Amino acid sequence: MSSRQAIIDAATRHQVFLQRYGGQQSKEAVRALNKLRRDIVVRINQAGTTIRAQQLGAMLQEIESLAKAAMTDITSNAVIGMQNLALSESKFSVELFEKTTKAAFSSPSTEALIGAVENSPMAAPAGMASVSISTAYKDFSQKKVAEITQAIRDGVALGDSTGVIADKLATTMTTLTRRQLETLVRTSTNHISAMARNKVYEQNSDILDGYQWVSTLDGRTTMICASRDGKVYSTGSGPVPPAHWGCRSTTIPKVKPEFDLGSKVTGQRASKGAIGAKAVSGKTTYGGWLRQQPREFIDEALGPERSKLFRTGQLKIDQFVDPTGRVYTLQQLEQMNPFVFQDL
């Protein structure tokens, strides 16, 4: 097995668990958002059945203060979490590459990784400029605080009762705002993973001939990721994931021939559904790739019961999803490494 194939297999396994870590971070952010929603509803209802003009100014100041404090906590916790993830992902990448090549890799400095968390631009929604994670969270927070206070003003102007205003605001915060926050958290998680790996590439440029883009193996892959899948880029000058909000793509290093494990393998990945146009077009599925993985990995990815059904042909999977709904802390993510490195 070549270094390329070994790294792709392990990197794809790791992405399964990384998505669960992103789910845990998202869950914690949403929990803080839900508390803010409850606090705001309580404050609105304290005004009685209607909000009088003389009450509005003081109420908006108090609610704005509540919202700013909550959003500041969400931002602060997110940045700290991403800094810790960057260090963990860098360590993981070095260990992975050393297990799958003949080279000794050096790690980027803690300062370089922390600085990249603060400064490296992250993918942004269409029509918006790319910004750092901290800026993305701050922009999100400011926008949501403004939307909350404006919704209250609009309700008062329309003559809505406090109950109607509270219900409208609660509905918005539990649907649109929640989805936007979840997308931001998951996108920033993948951004940090890719950024940390890219820093490892930069640190070890003498061992590598660039890096290769690897897209997720399912029908939800966007055209931009499908078009980049399998392409090799020069370190420091090519694009890195995420390519867009909600992106799940990753990268692998292109190891110089003298550091490769040997035994070239051509065409096997596409037939197994790991990467390539066939995978993203649906001709090869995530299930096709998963079926080639060790039983222990399938059990962890699907859960024991679903794993048994899948391995016996009673359950089909054609999307990159987490059927168990499980989420991981950073410690639990790191504890999955034995599954990732199995067979290496």
C-alpha atoms as a PDB file:
ATOM      1  CA  MET A   1       0.000   0.000   0.000  1.00  0.00           C
ATOM      2  CA  SER A   2       1.370   3.412  -0.954  1.00  0.00           C
ATOM      3  CA  SER A   3       1.638   6.282   1.507  1.00  0.00           C
ATOM      4  CA  ARG A   4      -1.113   8.076  -0.401  1.00  0.00           C
ATOM      5  CA  GLN A   5      -3.650   5.291  -0.013  1.00  0.00           C
ATOM      6  CA  ALA A   6      -2.798   4.686   3.640  1.00  0.00           C
ATOM      7  CA  ILE A   7      -3.145   8.384   4.466  1.00  0.00           C
ATOM      8  CA  ILE A   8      -6.453   8.698   2.606  1.00  0.00           C
ATOM      9  CA  ASP A   9      -7.953   5.766   4.497  1.00  0.00           C
ATOM     10  CA  ALA A  10      -6.857   7.098   7.890  1.00  0.00           C
ATOM     11  CA  ALA A  11      -7.764  10.710   7.089  1.00  0.00           C
ATOM     12  CA  THR A  12     -11.254   9.673   5.990  1.00  0.00           C
ATOM     13  CA  ARG A  13     -11.751   7.695   9.189  1.00  0.00           C
ATOM     14  CA  HIS A  14     -10.631  10.701  11.184  1.00  0.00           C
ATOM     15  CA  GLN A  15     -13.121  12.947   9.378  1.00  0.00           C
ATOM     16  CA  VAL A  16     -15.974  10.763  10.641  1.00  0.00           C
ATOM     17  CA  PHE A  17     -14.917  11.419  14.224  1.00  0.00           C
ATOM     18  CA  LEU A  18     -14.051  15.079  13.599  1.00  0.00           C
ATOM     19  CA  GLN A  19     -17.637  15.672  12.476  1.00  0.00           C
ATOM     20  CA  ARG A  20     -18.791  14.332  15.829  1.00  0.00           C
ATOM     21  CA  TYR A  21     -16.458  16.696  17.642  1.00  0.00           C
ATOM     22  CA  GLY A  22     -17.945  19.551  15.626  1.00  0.00           C
ATOM     23  CA  GLY A  23     -21.356  18.308  16.700  1.00  0.00           C
ATOM     24  CA  GLN A  24     -20.360  18.523  20.356  1.00  0.00           C
ATOM     25  CA  GLN A  25     -19.050  22.077  19.948  1.00  0.00           C
ATOM     26  CA  SER A  26     -22.252  22.992  18.145  1.00  0.00           C
ATOM     27  CA  LYS A  27     -24.328  21.455  20.912  1.00  0.00           C
ATOM     28  CA  GLU A  28     -22.563  23.526  23.562  1.00  0.00           C
ATOM     29  CA  ALA A  29     -23.006  26.762  21.588  1.00  0.00           C
ATOM     30  CA  VAL A  30     -26.706  26.038  21.034  1.00  0.00           C
ATOM     31  CA  ARG A  31     -27.135  25.344  24.743  1.00  0.00           C
ATOM     32  CA  ALA A  32     -25.864  28.868  25.490  1.00  0.00           C
ATOM     33  CA  LEU A  33     -28.147  30.272  22.797  1.00  0.00           C
ATOM     34  CA  ASN A  34     -31.153  28.491  24.317  1.00  0.00           C
ATOM     35  CA  LYS A  35     -30.385  29.955  27.728  1.00  0.00           C
ATOM     36  CA  LEU A  36     -30.257  33.423  26.184  1.00  0.00           C
ATOM     37  CA  ARG A  37     -33.623  32.816  24.509  1.00  0.00           C
ATOM     38  CA  ARG A  38     -35.197  31.812  27.812  1.00  0.00           C
ATOM     39  CA  ASP A  39     -33.726  34.819  29.617  1.00  0.00           C
ATOM     40  CA  ILE A  40     -35.014  37.207  26.956  1.00  0.00           C
ATOM     41  CA  VAL A  41     -38.498  35.696  27.001  1.00  0.00           C
ATOM     42  CA  VAL A  42     -38.630  36.041  30.786  1.00  0.00           C
ATOM     43  CA  ARG A  43     -37.591  39.700  30.565  1.00  0.00           C
ATOM     44  CA  ILE A  44     -40.166  40.485  27.874  1.00  0.00           C
ATOM     45  CA  ASN A  45     -42.969  38.838  29.834  1.00  0.00           C
ATOM     46  CA  GLN A  46     -42.076  40.914  32.897  1.00  0.00           C
ATOM     47  CA  ALA A  47     -43.499  43.949  31.089  1.00  0.00           C
ATOM     48  CA  GLY A  48     -47.037  42.590  31.363  1.00  0.00           C
ATOM     49  CA  THR A  49     -49.340  42.062  28.417  1.00  0.00           C
ATOM     50  CA  THR A  50     -47.908  44.942  26.381  1.00  0.00           C
ATOM     51  CA  ILE A  51     -44.685  46.908  26.241  1.00  0.00           C
ATOM     52  CA  ARG A  52     -45.373  50.587  26.788  1.00  0.00           C
ATOM     53  CA  ALA A  53     -43.261  53.228  25.067  1.00  0.00           C
ATOM     54  CA  GLN A  54     -41.739  54.373  28.349  1.00  0.00           C
ATOM     55  CA  GLN A  55     -40.664  50.795  29.106  1.00  0.00           C
ATOM     56  CA  LEU A  56     -39.062  50.086  25.750  1.00  0.00           C
ATOM     57  CA  GLY A  57     -35.752  51.915  26.168  1.00  0.00           C
ATOM     58  CA  ALA A  58     -34.825  50.327  29.485  1.00  0.00           C
ATOM     59  CA  MET A  59     -35.968  46.890  28.310  1.00  0.00           C
ATOM     60  CA  LEU A  60     -33.915  47.057  25.122  1.00  0.00           C
ATOM     61  CA  GLN A  61     -30.817  48.107  27.062  1.00  0.00           C
ATOM     62  CA  GLU A  62     -31.213  45.177  29.445  1.00  0.00           C
ATOM     63  CA  ILE A  63     -31.892  42.651  26.684  1.00  0.00           C
ATOM     64  CA  GLU A  64     -29.029  43.987  24.588  1.00  0.00           C
ATOM     65  CA  SER A  65     -26.738  43.577  27.595  1.00  0.00           C
ATOM     66  CA  LEU A  66     -27.938  39.981  28.090  1.00  0.00           C
ATOM     67  CA  ALA A  67     -27.442  39.184  24.416  1.00  0.00           C
ATOM     68  CA  LYS A  68     -23.988  40.737  24.217  1.00  0.00           C
ATOM     69  CA  ALA A  69     -22.813  38.852  27.299  1.00  0.00           C
ATOM     70  CA  ALA A  70     -24.118  35.529  25.977  1.00  0.00           C
ATOM     71  CA  MET A  71     -22.664  36.045  22.519  1.00  0.00           C
ATOM     72  CA  THR A  72     -19.320  37.102  23.991  1.00  0.00           C
ATOM     73  CA  ASP A  73     -19.225  33.849  25.966  1.00  0.00           C
ATOM     74  CA  ILE A  74     -20.068  31.822  22.849  1.00  0.00           C
ATOM     75  CA  THR A  75     -17.293  33.579  20.923  1.00  0.00           C
ATOM     76  CA  SER A  76     -14.731  33.237  23.706  1.00  0.00           C
ATOM     77  CA  ASN A  77     -15.478  29.545  24.251  1.00  0.00           C
ATOM     78  CA  ALA A  78     -15.349  28.902  20.501  1.00  0.00           C
ATOM     79  CA  VAL A  79     -11.949  30.557  20.067  1.00  0.00           C
ATOM     80  CA  ILE A  80     -10.459  28.702  23.045  1.00  0.00           C
ATOM     81  CA  GLY A  81     -11.898  25.442  21.758  1.00  0.00           C
ATOM     82  CA  MET A  82     -10.461  26.054  18.293  1.00  0.00           C
ATOM     83  CA  GLN A  83      -7.026  26.826  19.720  1.00  0.00           C
ATOM     84  CA  ASN A  84      -7.038  23.510  21.575  1.00  0.00           C
ATOM     85  CA  LEU A  85      -8.286  21.722  18.463  1.00  0.00           C
ATOM     86  CA  ALA A  86      -5.494  23.236  16.359  1.00  0.00           C
ATOM     87  CA  LEU A  87      -2.864  21.819  18.715  1.00  0.00           C
ATOM     88  CA  SER A  88      -4.582  18.421  18.761  1.00  0.00           C
ATOM     89  CA  GLU A  89      -4.994  18.251  14.974  1.00  0.00           C
ATOM     90  CA  SER A  90      -1.379  19.217  14.386  1.00  0.00           C
ATOM     91  CA  LYS A  91      -0.239  16.420  16.699  1.00  0.00           C
ATOM     92  CA  PHE A  92      -2.589  13.974  14.980  1.00  0.00           C
ATOM     93  CA  SER A  93      -1.333  14.938  11.509  1.00  0.00           C
ATOM     94  CA  VAL A  94       2.326  14.489  12.452  1.00  0.00           C
ATOM     95  CA  GLU A  95       1.605  11.070  13.972  1.00  0.00           C
ATOM     96  CA  LEU A  96      -0.442  10.019  10.936  1.00  0.00           C
ATOM     97  CA  PHE A  97       2.192  11.088   8.419  1.00  0.00           C
ATOM     98  CA  GLU A  98       5.006   9.418  10.343  1.00  0.00           C
ATOM     99  CA  LYS A  99       3.040   6.163  10.472  1.00  0.00           C
ATOM    100  CA  THR A 100       2.431   6.225   6.712  1.00  0.00           C
ATOM    101  CA  THR A 101       5.770   7.449   5.317  1.00  0.00           C
ATOM    102  CA  LYS A 102       9.502   6.913   5.759  1.00  0.00           C
ATOM    103  CA  ALA A 103      10.012  10.478   7.018  1.00  0.00           C
ATOM    104  CA  ALA A 104      10.229  12.121  10.421  1.00  0.00           C
ATOM    105  CA  PHE A 105       7.882  15.115  10.537  1.00  0.00           C
ATOM    106  CA  SER A 106       8.368  18.163  12.744  1.00  0.00           C
ATOM    107  CA  SER A 107       5.486  19.967  14.437  1.00  0.00           C
ATOM    108  CA  PRO A 108       4.588  23.642  13.968  1.00  0.00           C
ATOM    109  CA  SER A 109       5.135  25.771  17.052  1.00  0.00           C
ATOM    110  CA  THR A 110       2.277  26.435  19.436  1.00  0.00           C
ATOM    111  CA  GLU A 111       2.639  30.143  18.673  1.00  0.00           C
ATOM    112  CA  ALA A 112       2.271  29.540  14.928  1.00  0.00           C
ATOM    113  CA  LEU A 113      -0.861  27.454  15.419  1.00  0.00           C
ATOM    114  CA  ILE A 114      -2.508  29.870  17.857  1.00  0.00           C
ATOM    115  CA  GLY A 115      -1.643  32.763  15.575  1.00  0.00           C
ATOM    116  CA  ALA A 116      -3.225  30.958  12.639  1.00  0.00           C
ATOM    117  CA  VAL A 117      -6.438  30.424  14.608  1.00  0.00           C
ATOM    118  CA  GLU A 118      -6.613  34.173  15.102  1.00  0.00           C
ATOM    119  CA  ASN A 119      -5.573  35.257  11.631  1.00  0.00           C
ATOM    120  CA  SER A 120      -6.159  32.628   8.935  1.00  0.00           C
ATOM    121  CA  PRO A 121      -9.210  33.526   6.799  1.00  0.00           C
ATOM    122  CA  MET A 122     -12.118  31.124   6.872  1.00  0.00           C
ATOM    123  CA  ALA A 123     -14.634  30.444   4.103  1.00  0.00           C
ATOM    124  CA  ALA A 124     -17.582  32.835   4.142  1.00  0.00           C
ATOM    125  CA  PRO A 125     -21.130  32.699   2.750  1.00  0.00           C
ATOM    126  CA  ALA A 126     -21.550  33.891  -0.836  1.00  0.00           C
ATOM    127  CA  GLY A 127     -21.146  37.635  -1.196  1.00  0.00           C
ATOM    128  CA  MET A 128     -19.191  38.037   2.046  1.00  0.00           C
ATOM    129  CA  ALA A 129     -15.462  38.470   2.578  1.00  0.00           C
ATOM    130  CA  SER A 130     -13.420  35.711   4.225  1.00  0.00           C
ATOM    131  CA  VAL A 131     -12.509  36.525   7.818  1.00  0.00           C
ATOM    132  CA  SER A 132     -10.778  34.875  10.766  1.00  0.00           C
ATOM    133  CA  ILE A 133     -12.712  32.664  13.166  1.00  0.00           C
ATOM    134  CA  SER A 134     -12.752  35.270  15.939  1.00  0.00           C
ATOM    135  CA  THR A 135     -13.999  37.915  13.496  1.00  0.00           C
ATOM    136  CA  ALA A 136     -16.624  35.538  12.091  1.00  0.00           C
ATOM    137  CA  TYR A 137     -18.005  34.874  15.562  1.00  0.00           C
ATOM    138  CA  LYS A 138     -17.915  38.556  16.502  1.00  0.00           C
ATOM    139  CA  ASP A 139     -19.710  39.520  13.289  1.00  0.00           C
ATOM    140  CA  PHE A 140     -22.300  36.803  13.903  1.00  0.00           C
ATOM    141  CA  SER A 141     -22.780  37.988  17.489  1.00  0.00           C
ATOM    142  CA  GLN A 142     -23.202  41.653  16.562  1.00  0.00           C
ATOM    143  CA  LYS A 143     -25.689  40.798  13.835  1.00  0.00           C
ATOM    144  CA  LYS A 144     -27.782  38.600  16.138  1.00  0.00           C
ATOM    145  CA  VAL A 145     -27.844  41.162  18.953  1.00  0.00           C
ATOM    146  CA  ALA A 146     -29.079  43.768  16.479  1.00  0.00           C
ATOM    147  CA  GLU A 147     -31.708  41.371  15.099  1.00  0.00           C
ATOM    148  CA  ILE A 148     -33.006  40.573  18.582  1.00  0.00           C
ATOM    149  CA  THR A 149     -33.470  44.199  19.595  1.00  0.00           C
ATOM    150  CA  GLN A 150     -34.948  45.112  16.200  1.00  0.00           C
ATOM    151  CA  ALA A 151     -37.477  42.287  16.467  1.00  0.00           C
ATOM    152  CA  ILE A 152     -38.686  43.732  19.762  1.00  0.00           C
ATOM    153  CA  ARG A 153     -38.944  47.237  18.289  1.00  0.00           C
ATOM    154  CA  ASP A 154     -40.885  45.867  15.322  1.00  0.00           C
ATOM    155  CA  GLY A 155     -43.274  44.012  17.594  1.00  0.00           C
ATOM    156  CA  VAL A 156     -43.978  47.115  19.643  1.00  0.00           C
ATOM    157  CA  ALA A 157     -44.506  49.160  16.478  1.00  0.00           C
ATOM    158  CA  LEU A 158     -47.016  46.581  15.192  1.00  0.00           C
ATOM    159  CA  GLY A 159     -48.879  46.600  18.496  1.00  0.00           C
ATOM    160  CA  ASP A 160     -48.078  42.974  19.295  1.00  0.00           C
ATOM    161  CA  SER A 161     -48.584  41.719  22.824  1.00  0.00           C
ATOM    162  CA  THR A 162     -45.580  40.651  24.856  1.00  0.00           C
ATOM    163  CA  GLY A 163     -46.621  37.033  24.353  1.00  0.00           C
ATOM    164  CA  VAL A 164     -46.616  37.403  20.570  1.00  0.00           C
ATOM    165  CA  ILE A 165     -43.274  39.251  20.577  1.00  0.00           C
ATOM    166  CA  ALA A 166     -41.721  36.586  22.819  1.00  0.00           C
ATOM    167  CA  ASP A 167     -43.077  33.747  20.672  1.00  0.00           C
ATOM    168  CA  LYS A 168     -41.820  35.280  17.404  1.00  0.00           C
ATOM    169  CA  LEU A 169     -38.396  35.923  18.884  1.00  0.00           C
ATOM    170  CA  ALA A 170     -38.177  32.450  20.417  1.00  0.00           C
ATOM    171  CA  THR A 171     -39.159  30.830  17.104  1.00  0.00           C
ATOM    172  CA  THR A 172     -36.481  32.769  15.200  1.00  0.00           C
ATOM    173  CA  MET A 173     -33.797  31.916  17.751  1.00  0.00           C
ATOM    174  CA  THR A 174     -34.654  28.205  17.755  1.00  0.00           C
ATOM    175  CA  THR A 175     -34.731  27.882  13.953  1.00  0.00           C
ATOM    176  CA  LEU A 176     -32.784  30.287  11.763  1.00  0.00           C
ATOM    177  CA  THR A 177     -30.322  31.576  14.375  1.00  0.00           C
ATOM    178  CA  ARG A 178     -29.668  28.076  15.675  1.00  0.00           C
ATOM    179  CA  ARG A 179     -29.017  26.680  12.183  1.00  0.00           C
ATOM    180  CA  GLN A 180     -26.684  29.552  11.384  1.00  0.00           C
ATOM    181  CA  LEU A 181     -24.752  29.018  14.626  1.00  0.00           C
ATOM    182  CA  GLU A 182     -24.474  25.263  14.018  1.00  0.00           C
ATOM    183  CA  THR A 183     -23.154  25.885  10.507  1.00  0.00           C
ATOM    184  CA  LEU A 184     -20.634  28.412  11.806  1.00  0.00           C
ATOM    185  CA  VAL A 185     -19.360  26.002  14.461  1.00  0.00           C
ATOM    186  CA  ARG A 186     -19.047  23.034  12.098  1.00  0.00           C
ATOM    187  CA  THR A 187     -17.384  25.126   9.397  1.00  0.00           C
ATOM    188  CA  SER A 188     -14.880  26.616  11.824  1.00  0.00           C
ATOM    189  CA  THR A 189     -14.105  23.131  13.173  1.00  0.00           C
ATOM    190  CA  ASN A 190     -13.182  21.884   9.713  1.00  0.00           C
ATOM    191  CA  HIS A 191     -11.290  25.110   9.018  1.00  0.00           C
ATOM    192  CA  ILE A 192      -9.089  24.608  12.068  1.00  0.00           C
ATOM    193  CA  SER A 193      -8.426  20.965  11.212  1.00  0.00           C
ATOM    194  CA  ALA A 194      -7.385  21.903   7.665  1.00  0.00           C
ATOM    195  CA  MET A 195      -5.383  24.900   8.854  1.00  0.00           C
ATOM    196  CA  ALA A 196      -3.431  22.823  11.388  1.00  0.00           C
ATOM    197  CA  ARG A 197      -2.676  20.207   8.739  1.00  0.00           C
ATOM    198  CA  ASN A 198      -1.557  22.931   6.329  1.00  0.00           C
ATOM    199  CA  LYS A 199       0.832  24.285   8.971  1.00  0.00           C
ATOM    200  CA  VAL A 200       2.340  20.803   9.187  1.00  0.00           C
ATOM    201  CA  TYR A 201       2.783  20.857   5.391  1.00  0.00           C
ATOM    202  CA  GLU A 202       4.549  24.217   5.585  1.00  0.00           C
ATOM    203  CA  GLN A 203       6.783  22.993   8.388  1.00  0.00           C
ATOM    204  CA  ASN A 204       7.820  19.930   6.358  1.00  0.00           C
ATOM    205  CA  SER A 205       7.980  21.287   2.814  1.00  0.00           C
ATOM    206  CA  ASP A 206      11.280  19.476   2.215  1.00  0.00           C
ATOM    207  CA  ILE A 207       9.442  16.139   2.547  1.00  0.00           C
ATOM    208  CA  LEU A 208       6.422  17.000   0.410  1.00  0.00           C
ATOM    209  CA  ASP A 209       5.527  17.863  -3.167  1.00  0.00           C
ATOM    210  CA  GLY A 210       2.402  19.761  -2.132  1.00  0.00           C
ATOM    211  CA  TYR A 211      -0.929  18.387  -0.981  1.00  0.00           C
ATOM    212  CA  GLN A 212      -4.011  16.758  -2.463  1.00  0.00           C
ATOM    213  CA  TRP A 213      -7.640  17.783  -1.985  1.00  0.00           C
ATOM    214  CA  VAL A 214      -9.969  15.008  -0.749  1.00  0.00           C
ATOM    215  CA  SER A 215     -13.735  15.541  -0.858  1.00  0.00           C
ATOM    216  CA  THR A 216     -16.324  13.741   1.253  1.00  0.00           C
ATOM    217  CA  LEU A 217     -17.775  10.583  -0.270  1.00  0.00           C
ATOM    218  CA  ASP A 218     -21.454  11.371  -0.759  1.00  0.00           C
ATOM    219  CA  GLY A 219     -24.040  13.062  -2.925  1.00  0.00           C
ATOM    220  CA  ARG A 220     -24.100  16.199  -0.770  1.00  0.00           C
ATOM    221  CA  THR A 221     -20.663  17.284  -1.990  1.00  0.00           C
ATOM    222  CA  THR A 222     -20.836  20.685  -3.717  1.00  0.00           C
ATOM    223  CA  MET A 223     -19.584  21.309  -7.242  1.00  0.00           C
ATOM    224  CA  ILE A 224     -16.606  23.356  -6.020  1.00  0.00           C
ATOM    225  CA  CYS A 225     -15.399  20.490  -3.819  1.00  0.00           C
ATOM    226  CA  ALA A 226     -16.165  17.908  -6.500  1.00  0.00           C
ATOM    227  CA  SER A 227     -14.077  19.890  -8.992  1.00  0.00           C
ATOM    228  CA  ARG A 228     -11.113  20.049  -6.590  1.00  0.00           C
ATOM    229  CA  ASP A 229     -11.254  16.429  -5.477  1.00  0.00           C
ATOM    230  CA  GLY A 230      -7.965  14.658  -6.252  1.00  0.00           C
ATOM    231  CA  LYS A 231      -6.158  17.790  -7.426  1.00  0.00           C
ATOM    232  CA  VAL A 232      -2.656  18.482  -6.138  1.00  0.00           C
ATOM    233  CA  TYR A 233      -1.679  21.996  -5.037  1.00  0.00           C
ATOM    234  CA  SER A 234       1.555  23.654  -3.971  1.00  0.00           C
ATOM    235  CA  THR A 235       1.782  24.262  -0.244  1.00  0.00           C
ATOM    236  CA  GLY A 236       1.090  27.873   0.610  1.00  0.00           C
ATOM    237  CA  SER A 237      -0.402  28.796  -2.762  1.00  0.00           C
ATOM    238  CA  GLY A 238      -3.394  26.478  -3.254  1.00  0.00           C
ATOM    239  CA  PRO A 239      -6.873  26.493  -1.718  1.00  0.00           C
ATOM    240  CA  VAL A 240      -7.537  24.693   1.559  1.00  0.00           C
ATOM    241  CA  PRO A 241     -10.823  23.541   3.101  1.00  0.00           C
ATOM    242  CA  PRO A 242     -13.373  24.694   3.944  1.00  0.00           C
ATOM    243  CA  ALA A 243     -14.317  25.865   0.462  1.00  0.00           C
ATOM    244  CA  HIS A 244     -17.698  27.064   1.712  1.00  0.00           C
ATOM    245  CA  TRP A 245     -19.843  27.027   4.841  1.00  0.00           C
ATOM    246  CA  GLY A 246     -20.666  23.471   5.819  1.00  0.00           C
ATOM    247  CA  CYS A 247     -17.698  22.112   3.838  1.00  0.00           C
ATOM    248  CA  ARG A 248     -16.384  18.703   4.979  1.00  0.00           C
ATOM    249  CA  SER A 249     -13.443  18.299   2.602  1.00  0.00           C
ATOM    250  CA  THR A 250      -9.928  17.602   3.851  1.00  0.00           C
ATOM    251  CA  THR A 251      -6.412  17.322   2.422  1.00  0.00           C
ATOM    252  CA  ILE A 252      -3.550  14.819   2.429  1.00  0.00           C
ATOM    253  CA  PRO A 253       0.161  15.434   1.775  1.00  0.00           C
ATOM    254  CA  LYS A 254       1.815  14.441  -1.499  1.00  0.00           C
ATOM    255  CA  VAL A 255       4.942  12.756  -0.213  1.00  0.00           C
ATOM    256  CA  LYS A 256       8.144  12.902  -2.254  1.00  0.00           C
ATOM    257  CA  PRO A 257       8.965   9.495  -3.817  1.00  0.00           C
ATOM    258  CA  GLU A 258      11.953   8.845  -1.594  1.00  0.00           C
ATOM    259  CA  PHE A 259       9.745   9.049   1.511  1.00  0.00           C
ATOM    260  CA  ASP A 260       6.858   6.965   0.151  1.00  0.00           C
ATOM    261  CA  LEU A 261       6.191   3.513   1.551  1.00  0.00           C
ATOM    262  CA  GLY A 262       6.512   2.019  -1.900  1.00  0.00           C
ATOM    263  CA  SER A 263       4.095  -0.202  -3.819  1.00  0.00           C
ATOM    264  CA  LYS A 264       2.171   2.143  -6.079  1.00  0.00           C
ATOM    265  CA  VAL A 265      -1.574   1.611  -6.192  1.00  0.00           C
ATOM    266  CA  THR A 266      -3.557   3.045  -9.106  1.00  0.00           C
ATOM    267  CA  GLY A 267      -7.275   2.979  -9.632  1.00  0.00           C
ATOM    268  CA  GLN A 268      -8.099   1.143  -6.421  1.00  0.00           C
ATOM    269  CA  ARG A 269      -9.394   4.165  -4.543  1.00  0.00           C
ATOM    270  CA  ALA A 270     -12.020   5.016  -7.114  1.00  0.00           C
ATOM    271  CA  SER A 271     -13.219   1.415  -7.193  1.00  0.00           C
ATOM    272  CA  LYS A 272     -13.525   1.492  -3.403  1.00  0.00           C
ATOM    273  CA  GLY A 273     -15.243   4.870  -3.374  1.00  0.00           C
ATOM    274  CA  ALA A 274     -12.629   6.802  -1.461  1.00  0.00           C
ATOM    275  CA  ILE A 275     -11.993   9.847  -3.668  1.00  0.00           C
ATOM    276  CA  GLY A 276     -12.419  11.013  -7.216  1.00  0.00           C
ATOM    277  CA  ALA A 277     -15.139  12.048  -9.643  1.00  0.00           C
ATOM    278  CA  LYS A 278     -16.805   8.637  -9.461  1.00  0.00           C
ATOM    279  CA  ALA A 279     -17.234   8.955  -5.717  1.00  0.00           C
ATOM    280  CA  VAL A 280     -18.839  12.394  -5.741  1.00  0.00           C
ATOM    281  CA  SER A 281     -21.005  11.582  -8.763  1.00  0.00           C
ATOM    282  CA  GLY A 282     -22.647   8.761  -6.864  1.00  0.00           C
ATOM    283  CA  LYS A 283     -21.153   5.876  -8.864  1.00  0.00           C
ATOM    284  CA  THR A 284     -19.241   4.958  -5.726  1.00  0.00           C
ATOM    285  CA  THR A 285     -20.702   5.602  -2.292  1.00  0.00           C
ATOM    286  CA  TYR A 286     -19.578   6.131   1.257  1.00  0.00           C
ATOM    287  CA  GLY A 287     -21.027   2.707   1.953  1.00  0.00           C
ATOM    288  CA  GLY A 288     -18.686   1.232  -0.650  1.00  0.00           C
ATOM    289  CA  TRP A 289     -15.703   2.762   1.104  1.00  0.00           C
ATOM    290  CA  LEU A 290     -16.994   1.883   4.569  1.00  0.00           C
ATOM    291  CA  ARG A 291     -17.413  -1.779   3.635  1.00  0.00           C
ATOM    292  CA  GLN A 292     -13.632  -1.978   3.124  1.00  0.00           C
ATOM    293  CA  GLN A 293     -12.874  -0.734   6.645  1.00  0.00           C
ATOM    294  CA  PRO A 294     -12.023  -2.884   9.704  1.00  0.00           C
ATOM    295  CA  ARG A 295     -14.992  -4.194  11.683  1.00  0.00           C
ATOM    296  CA  GLU A 296     -13.976  -2.200  14.764  1.00  0.00           C
ATOM    297  CA  PHE A 297     -14.124   1.051  12.809  1.00  0.00           C
ATOM    298  CA  ILE A 298     -17.535   0.216  11.318  1.00  0.00           C
ATOM    299  CA  ASP A 299     -18.856  -0.616  14.806  1.00  0.00           C
ATOM    300  CA  GLU A 300     -17.687   2.751  16.115  1.00  0.00           C
ATOM    301  CA  ALA A 301     -18.955   4.664  13.086  1.00  0.00           C
ATOM    302  CA  LEU A 302     -22.432   3.095  13.017  1.00  0.00           C
ATOM    303  CA  GLY A 303     -22.939   1.522  16.409  1.00  0.00           C
ATOM    304  CA  PRO A 304     -22.904  -2.267  16.992  1.00  0.00           C
ATOM    305  CA  GLU A 305     -26.471  -2.998  15.829  1.00  0.00           C
ATOM    306  CA  ARG A 306     -26.346  -0.882  12.672  1.00  0.00           C
ATOM    307  CA  SER A 307     -22.855  -2.201  11.966  1.00  0.00           C
ATOM    308  CA  LYS A 308     -24.132  -5.781  12.023  1.00  0.00           C
ATOM    309  CA  LEU A 309     -26.994  -4.933   9.653  1.00  0.00           C
ATOM    310  CA  PHE A 310     -24.615  -3.077   7.358  1.00  0.00           C
ATOM    311  CA  ARG A 311     -21.984  -5.833   7.255  1.00  0.00           C
ATOM    312  CA  THR A 312     -24.619  -8.511   6.533  1.00  0.00           C
ATOM    313  CA  GLY A 313     -26.115  -6.480   3.709  1.00  0.00           C
ATOM    314  CA  GLN A 314     -29.355  -5.590   5.496  1.00  0.00           C
ATOM    315  CA  LEU A 315     -28.514  -1.884   5.777  1.00  0.00           C
ATOM    316  CA  LYS A 316     -27.336   0.357   2.933  1.00  0.00           C
ATOM    317  CA  ILE A 317     -25.598   3.679   3.415  1.00  0.00           C
ATOM    318  CA  ASP A 318     -25.142   6.118   0.558  1.00  0.00           C
ATOM    319  CA  GLN A 319     -24.384   9.304   2.479  1.00  0.00           C
ATOM    320  CA  PHE A 320     -21.625  10.510   4.756  1.00  0.00           C
ATOM    321  CA  VAL A 321     -23.698  10.791   7.937  1.00  0.00           C
ATOM    322  CA  ASP A 322     -23.458   9.831  11.563  1.00  0.00           C
ATOM    323  CA  PRO A 323     -26.470   7.530  12.116  1.00  0.00           C
ATOM    324  CA  THR A 324     -25.785   7.280  15.851  1.00  0.00           C
ATOM    325  CA  GLY A 325     -26.108  11.006  16.538  1.00  0.00           C
ATOM    326  CA  ARG A 326     -23.159  10.784  18.933  1.00  0.00           C
ATOM    327  CA  VAL A 327     -20.901  13.743  19.668  1.00  0.00           C
ATOM    328  CA  TYR A 328     -17.363  13.861  21.038  1.00  0.00           C
ATOM    329  CA  THR A 329     -15.365  16.091  23.318  1.00  0.00           C
ATOM    330  CA  LEU A 330     -11.780  16.831  22.260  1.00  0.00           C
ATOM    331  CA  GLN A 331     -10.542  14.111  24.623  1.00  0.00           C
ATOM    332  CA  GLN A 332     -12.954  11.601  23.106  1.00  0.00           C
ATOM    333  CA  LEU A 333     -11.896  12.644  19.604  1.00  0.00           C
ATOM    334  CA  GLU A 334      -8.286  11.900  20.492  1.00  0.00           C
ATOM    335  CA  GLN A 335      -9.318   8.559  22.015  1.00  0.00           C
ATOM    336  CA  MET A 336     -10.598   7.515  18.572  1.00  0.00           C
ATOM    337  CA  ASN A 337      -7.068   7.580  17.132  1.00  0.00           C
ATOM    338  CA  PRO A 338      -6.530   3.822  17.655  1.00  0.00           C
ATOM    339  CA  PHE A 339      -9.448   3.240  15.263  1.00  0.00           C
ATOM    340  CA  VAL A 340      -7.999   5.770  12.818  1.00  0.00           C
ATOM    341  CA  PHE A 341      -4.511   4.234  12.899  1.00  0.00           C
ATOM    342  CA  GLN A 342      -5.711   0.639  12.766  1.00  0.00           C
ATOM    343  CA  ASP A 343      -3.864  -1.403  10.118  1.00  0.00           C
ATOM    344  CA  LEU A 344      -1.191   1.310   9.650  1.00  0.00           C
END
